[in-house]
């Protein structure tokens, strides 16, 4: 058996992209951690079977993809609240938290990721992937994101090249029906850094000053707000702002801008002790906010290495 230190040296250059691959497959950072750990343990134990007939990278993607497919078979589809139920009324009591592996999660920012890789972890794309059958999902990711050839993917998934091409065509069509015409990376590039800074400053000021009208001016007419693992979500900027005015803005907050899943995001700290209460990921349409997703799970917050206060 290969020495553990030698194995780590071989695998480490691939670890980050393998973890991102697991996230795209599974829609969860926690599940990605589990799948990658299982895959690398299997790779280490089975390294003697690697005979160099493919690249080490392809071999690792084979093992990692299989680990993801096994986990997918045992888990429900990850989703966002607006995919699960109808919109709520802002003045009604919130429903109980829905525990368990149901909710899509954002991905921590990778400062070294390029434009295309940031696109491939955006929430809309990841949410669309979760609607694909597992083999189609793997095919699309391996071909379009990882960049493996049709032959490599066919060998990896133990099928034929025509089957891979057919699955890829169906997966592309299904995803295109669910994602916006323009990615967040293109939107942010078109917006420009100066306008982005202004938008961030306006959003922080509106939230910290608890100003509903200022928030209203930042949202699209059809804006959505959700806060998994609470299943309630609100549809339309009037209802969103009403919920903020009556519930969110009941206490003071402090916001810290960051990136998550390649998108604008804010760590939100709530009074009285300004403890981290939410990680809000922002989706833009042009220069306006079309969606706010407030992730409330403290376990997810820890994966972003955010200060607790």
Protein backbone atom coordinates (compact mmCIF):
# COMPACT_ATOMS: atom_id res chain seq x y z
CA UNK A 1 0.00 0.00 0.00
CA UNK A 2 1.23 3.49 -0.84
CA UNK A 3 2.56 5.55 2.06
CA UNK A 4 -0.07 7.97 3.39
CA UNK A 5 2.22 10.98 3.10
CA UNK A 6 3.09 10.10 -0.50
CA UNK A 7 -0.60 9.65 -1.32
CA UNK A 8 -1.43 13.07 0.16
CA UNK A 9 1.30 14.65 -1.93
CA UNK A 10 -0.19 13.13 -5.09
CA UNK A 11 -3.78 14.02 -4.27
CA UNK A 12 -3.45 17.50 -2.76
CA UNK A 13 -3.20 19.33 -6.14
CA UNK A 14 -6.64 17.89 -7.00
CA UNK A 15 -8.37 18.21 -3.64
CA UNK A 16 -10.01 21.61 -4.18
CA UNK A 17 -11.55 20.78 -7.55
CA UNK A 18 -12.69 17.40 -6.27
CA UNK A 19 -14.43 19.08 -3.33
CA UNK A 20 -16.12 21.59 -5.65
CA UNK A 21 -17.20 18.67 -7.85
CA UNK A 22 -18.80 16.99 -4.85
CA UNK A 23 -20.59 20.24 -3.99
CA UNK A 24 -22.03 20.58 -7.50
CA UNK A 25 -23.22 17.00 -7.40
CA UNK A 26 -24.72 17.21 -3.91
CA UNK A 27 -25.69 20.86 -3.34
CA UNK A 28 -24.26 20.84 0.18
CA UNK A 29 -20.87 21.69 1.63
CA UNK A 30 -21.40 19.21 4.46
CA UNK A 31 -22.26 16.40 2.02
CA UNK A 32 -19.29 17.39 -0.16
CA UNK A 33 -17.00 17.00 2.86
CA UNK A 34 -18.42 13.54 3.57
CA UNK A 35 -18.26 12.37 -0.05
CA UNK A 36 -14.71 13.58 -0.58
CA UNK A 37 -13.50 11.99 2.64
CA UNK A 38 -15.05 8.68 1.62
CA UNK A 39 -13.66 8.96 -1.91
CA UNK A 40 -10.09 9.73 -0.85
CA UNK A 41 -10.13 6.96 1.73
CA UNK A 42 -11.23 4.57 -1.01
CA UNK A 43 -8.60 5.92 -3.39
CA UNK A 44 -5.86 5.42 -0.83
CA UNK A 45 -6.94 1.87 -0.07
CA UNK A 46 -7.32 1.04 -3.74
CA UNK A 47 -4.30 2.87 -5.10
CA UNK A 48 -2.64 -0.40 -6.03
CA UNK A 49 -5.40 -0.81 -8.64
CA UNK A 50 -4.45 2.44 -10.36
CA UNK A 51 -2.39 1.22 -13.29
CA UNK A 52 -1.94 4.50 -15.14
CA UNK A 53 -4.36 3.66 -17.96
CA UNK A 54 -5.97 7.03 -17.29
CA UNK A 55 -4.63 10.17 -15.69
CA UNK A 56 -4.58 10.34 -11.92
CA UNK A 57 -7.07 13.22 -12.17
CA UNK A 58 -9.57 11.14 -14.18
CA UNK A 59 -9.15 8.20 -11.82
CA UNK A 60 -9.82 10.41 -8.79
CA UNK A 61 -12.89 11.89 -10.47
CA UNK A 62 -14.18 8.37 -11.12
CA UNK A 63 -13.92 7.43 -7.45
CA UNK A 64 -15.27 10.78 -6.25
CA UNK A 65 -18.23 10.72 -8.64
CA UNK A 66 -19.14 7.20 -7.50
CA UNK A 67 -19.01 8.35 -3.88
CA UNK A 68 -21.39 11.20 -4.74
CA UNK A 69 -23.77 8.89 -6.61
CA UNK A 70 -23.89 6.55 -3.61
CA UNK A 71 -24.68 9.45 -1.28
CA UNK A 72 -27.33 10.80 -3.66
CA UNK A 73 -29.11 7.46 -3.56
CA UNK A 74 -29.53 7.84 0.21
CA UNK A 75 -30.44 11.55 0.42
CA UNK A 76 -33.40 13.71 -0.68
CA UNK A 77 -32.88 16.36 -3.34
CA UNK A 78 -31.41 19.60 -1.99
CA UNK A 79 -33.66 22.58 -2.65
CA UNK A 80 -34.49 26.15 -1.67
CA UNK A 81 -37.75 27.01 0.13
CA UNK A 82 -39.47 28.49 -2.93
CA UNK A 83 -39.03 25.14 -4.70
CA UNK A 84 -40.76 23.34 -1.83
CA UNK A 85 -43.92 25.29 -1.00
CA UNK A 86 -46.07 28.31 -1.85
CA UNK A 87 -45.09 31.79 -0.69
CA UNK A 88 -46.04 32.78 2.86
CA UNK A 89 -47.89 35.82 4.17
CA UNK A 90 -45.49 38.18 5.99
CA UNK A 91 -47.81 38.68 8.99
CA UNK A 92 -48.37 34.96 9.65
CA UNK A 93 -46.29 33.01 12.23
CA UNK A 94 -43.21 31.31 10.85
CA UNK A 95 -43.31 27.56 10.40
CA UNK A 96 -40.98 25.33 12.44
CA UNK A 97 -37.47 24.68 11.19
CA UNK A 98 -37.27 21.70 8.82
CA UNK A 99 -34.29 19.67 10.00
CA UNK A 100 -32.29 17.28 7.88
CA UNK A 101 -30.47 17.24 4.54
CA UNK A 102 -33.14 19.12 2.57
CA UNK A 103 -31.67 22.53 1.91
CA UNK A 104 -29.30 23.76 -0.74
CA UNK A 105 -26.21 25.43 0.74
CA UNK A 106 -23.88 28.14 -0.62
CA UNK A 107 -20.24 27.43 -1.33
CA UNK A 108 -17.37 29.25 0.41
CA UNK A 109 -15.53 31.76 -1.75
CA UNK A 110 -12.38 30.54 -3.49
CA UNK A 111 -10.27 33.62 -4.34
CA UNK A 112 -8.23 31.60 -6.84
CA UNK A 113 -11.24 30.36 -8.82
CA UNK A 114 -11.61 31.77 -12.31
CA UNK A 115 -14.71 33.28 -13.93
CA UNK A 116 -16.10 29.97 -15.24
CA UNK A 117 -15.53 28.12 -11.98
CA UNK A 118 -17.32 30.85 -10.02
CA UNK A 119 -20.24 30.53 -12.44
CA UNK A 120 -20.36 26.80 -11.75
CA UNK A 121 -21.09 27.26 -8.03
CA UNK A 122 -23.77 29.97 -8.34
CA UNK A 123 -26.95 29.07 -6.48
CA UNK A 124 -29.22 29.06 -9.54
CA UNK A 125 -26.95 26.63 -11.39
CA UNK A 126 -26.54 24.36 -8.37
CA UNK A 127 -30.32 24.40 -7.76
CA UNK A 128 -30.95 23.49 -11.41
CA UNK A 129 -28.47 20.61 -11.23
CA UNK A 130 -30.39 19.08 -8.32
CA UNK A 131 -33.38 18.54 -10.63
CA UNK A 132 -31.37 16.29 -12.95
CA UNK A 133 -31.22 12.51 -12.55
CA UNK A 134 -27.86 11.65 -10.90
CA UNK A 135 -26.20 10.24 -14.03
CA UNK A 136 -27.25 13.23 -16.15
CA UNK A 137 -26.00 15.53 -13.41
CA UNK A 138 -22.63 13.79 -13.34
CA UNK A 139 -22.42 13.85 -17.14
CA UNK A 140 -23.08 17.58 -17.39
CA UNK A 141 -20.63 18.49 -14.63
CA UNK A 142 -17.86 16.20 -15.86
CA UNK A 143 -18.17 17.37 -19.47
CA UNK A 144 -19.01 21.08 -19.09
CA UNK A 145 -17.26 22.03 -15.84
CA UNK A 146 -14.50 19.49 -15.22
CA UNK A 147 -13.68 19.32 -18.93
CA UNK A 148 -13.35 15.58 -19.40
CA UNK A 149 -13.85 14.17 -22.88
CA UNK A 150 -16.95 12.18 -23.83
CA UNK A 151 -14.81 9.03 -23.93
CA UNK A 152 -13.39 9.71 -20.46
CA UNK A 153 -16.87 10.28 -19.02
CA UNK A 154 -18.22 7.18 -20.76
CA UNK A 155 -15.45 5.09 -19.22
CA UNK A 156 -15.91 6.76 -15.84
CA UNK A 157 -19.67 6.09 -15.79
CA UNK A 158 -19.29 2.69 -17.51
CA UNK A 159 -21.47 3.50 -20.50
CA UNK A 160 -21.08 4.41 -24.18
CA UNK A 161 -20.10 7.68 -25.82
CA UNK A 162 -23.50 7.98 -27.59
CA UNK A 163 -25.22 7.55 -24.21
CA UNK A 164 -23.07 10.30 -22.74
CA UNK A 165 -23.80 12.67 -25.62
CA UNK A 166 -27.54 11.98 -25.31
CA UNK A 167 -27.50 12.51 -21.54
CA UNK A 168 -25.52 15.72 -21.97
CA UNK A 169 -28.02 17.12 -24.48
CA UNK A 170 -30.96 16.37 -22.18
CA UNK A 171 -29.16 17.80 -19.15
CA UNK A 172 -28.22 21.02 -20.96
CA UNK A 173 -31.82 21.57 -22.02
CA UNK A 174 -33.20 20.93 -18.52
CA UNK A 175 -30.72 23.27 -16.85
CA UNK A 176 -31.28 26.05 -19.38
CA UNK A 177 -34.99 26.02 -18.47
CA UNK A 178 -34.16 26.77 -14.83
CA UNK A 179 -31.27 29.22 -14.82
CA UNK A 180 -31.43 32.96 -15.63
CA UNK A 181 -30.29 34.09 -19.06
CA UNK A 182 -27.31 35.83 -17.45
CA UNK A 183 -25.07 34.49 -14.69
CA UNK A 184 -24.15 36.47 -11.61
CA UNK A 185 -20.55 36.66 -12.84
CA UNK A 186 -21.65 38.41 -16.05
CA UNK A 187 -24.05 40.62 -14.09
CA UNK A 188 -21.32 41.71 -11.67
CA UNK A 189 -18.87 42.31 -14.51
CA UNK A 190 -21.41 44.44 -16.36
CA UNK A 191 -22.25 46.32 -13.18
CA UNK A 192 -18.62 47.28 -12.59
CA UNK A 193 -16.70 47.60 -9.36
CA UNK A 194 -17.75 51.19 -8.58
CA UNK A 195 -21.47 50.48 -8.98
CA UNK A 196 -21.05 47.26 -7.03
CA UNK A 197 -19.47 49.12 -4.12
CA UNK A 198 -22.30 51.65 -4.20
CA UNK A 199 -24.95 48.91 -4.19
CA UNK A 200 -23.23 47.13 -1.29
CA UNK A 201 -23.04 50.37 0.69
CA UNK A 202 -26.72 51.14 0.06
CA UNK A 203 -27.76 47.65 1.11
CA UNK A 204 -25.69 47.76 4.29
CA UNK A 205 -27.02 51.21 5.14
CA UNK A 206 -30.64 50.19 4.50
CA UNK A 207 -30.33 47.10 6.72
CA UNK A 208 -28.28 48.65 9.53
CA UNK A 209 -30.48 51.76 9.68
CA UNK A 210 -33.58 49.52 9.47
CA UNK A 211 -35.03 51.60 6.64
CA UNK A 212 -37.80 49.71 4.75
CA UNK A 213 -38.10 52.35 2.02
CA UNK A 214 -34.38 52.25 1.32
CA UNK A 215 -34.54 48.45 1.07
CA UNK A 216 -37.58 48.67 -1.20
CA UNK A 217 -35.60 50.83 -3.62
CA UNK A 218 -32.98 48.11 -4.00
CA UNK A 219 -35.32 45.25 -4.92
CA UNK A 220 -36.91 44.14 -8.17
CA UNK A 221 -40.70 44.06 -8.26
CA UNK A 222 -40.68 40.23 -8.12
CA UNK A 223 -37.94 39.88 -5.49
CA UNK A 224 -37.92 36.76 -3.29
CA UNK A 225 -36.63 36.24 0.25
CA UNK A 226 -36.10 32.86 1.89
CA UNK A 227 -34.29 31.69 5.02
CA UNK A 228 -33.58 27.95 5.14
CA UNK A 229 -33.96 25.86 7.24
CA UNK A 230 -37.17 27.80 7.93
CA UNK A 231 -39.48 26.79 5.05
CA UNK A 232 -41.29 30.16 4.78
CA UNK A 233 -40.42 32.43 1.87
CA UNK A 234 -41.84 35.71 0.62
CA UNK A 235 -42.68 36.68 -2.93
CA UNK A 236 -42.62 40.23 -4.30
CA UNK A 237 -40.79 43.22 -2.91
CA UNK A 238 -43.83 44.53 -1.03
CA UNK A 239 -44.14 41.34 1.04
CA UNK A 240 -40.37 41.03 1.41
CA UNK A 241 -40.03 44.56 2.75
CA UNK A 242 -43.07 44.13 4.97
CA UNK A 243 -41.48 41.08 6.58
CA UNK A 244 -38.21 42.94 7.06
CA UNK A 245 -39.95 45.98 8.53
CA UNK A 246 -42.02 43.97 11.00
CA UNK A 247 -39.66 41.12 11.88
CA UNK A 248 -36.06 41.47 10.75
CA UNK A 249 -35.72 45.15 11.60
CA UNK A 250 -37.14 44.65 15.10
CA UNK A 251 -33.54 44.51 16.40
CA UNK A 252 -30.31 46.26 15.33
CA UNK A 253 -27.88 44.51 12.97
CA UNK A 254 -24.35 44.88 11.65
CA UNK A 255 -23.41 43.53 8.22
CA UNK A 256 -20.10 42.34 6.81
CA UNK A 257 -19.88 42.00 2.98
CA UNK A 258 -18.25 38.89 1.48
CA UNK A 259 -18.70 36.41 -1.37
CA UNK A 260 -20.50 33.06 -1.33
CA UNK A 261 -21.14 30.79 -4.30
CA UNK A 262 -19.50 33.45 -6.46
CA UNK A 263 -22.21 35.97 -5.48
CA UNK A 264 -22.53 39.01 -3.28
CA UNK A 265 -23.20 37.97 0.30
CA UNK A 266 -23.38 39.44 3.77
CA UNK A 267 -22.65 38.00 7.20
CA UNK A 268 -25.42 39.46 9.37
CA UNK A 269 -24.80 40.02 13.09
CA UNK A 270 -27.78 40.61 15.37
CA UNK A 271 -28.06 42.66 18.57
CA UNK A 272 -27.84 42.71 21.53
CA UNK A 273 -24.43 40.98 21.40
CA UNK A 274 -24.12 41.09 17.58
CA UNK A 275 -23.78 37.35 17.21
CA UNK A 276 -23.78 35.90 13.69
CA UNK A 277 -27.41 35.22 12.81
CA UNK A 278 -27.50 34.72 9.04
CA UNK A 279 -25.44 34.46 5.88
CA UNK A 280 -27.43 36.27 3.20
CA UNK A 281 -26.57 35.50 -0.41
CA UNK A 282 -27.75 38.10 -2.94
CA UNK A 283 -28.85 37.49 -6.51
CA UNK A 284 -28.82 40.50 -8.82
CA UNK A 285 -30.76 41.31 -11.96
CA UNK A 286 -28.97 44.25 -13.44
CA UNK A 287 -28.38 46.72 -10.61
CA UNK A 288 -31.30 45.50 -8.48
CA UNK A 289 -31.68 42.59 -6.06
CA UNK A 290 -34.00 39.85 -7.31
CA UNK A 291 -33.41 37.32 -4.55
CA UNK A 292 -32.13 37.22 -0.97
CA UNK A 293 -31.41 33.86 0.61
CA UNK A 294 -30.66 34.00 4.32
CA UNK A 295 -28.95 30.81 5.47
CA UNK A 296 -29.50 30.46 9.21
CA UNK A 297 -27.71 27.20 10.06
CA UNK A 298 -24.76 27.87 12.45
CA UNK A 299 -23.01 24.72 11.20
CA UNK A 300 -22.95 26.22 7.70
CA UNK A 301 -21.64 29.55 9.06
CA UNK A 302 -18.65 27.75 10.58
CA UNK A 303 -17.67 26.40 7.17
CA UNK A 304 -17.20 29.99 6.01
CA UNK A 305 -14.75 30.66 8.86
CA UNK A 306 -16.77 33.70 9.93
CA UNK A 307 -16.25 35.23 13.38
CA UNK A 308 -19.09 34.34 15.72
CA UNK A 309 -19.46 38.00 16.76
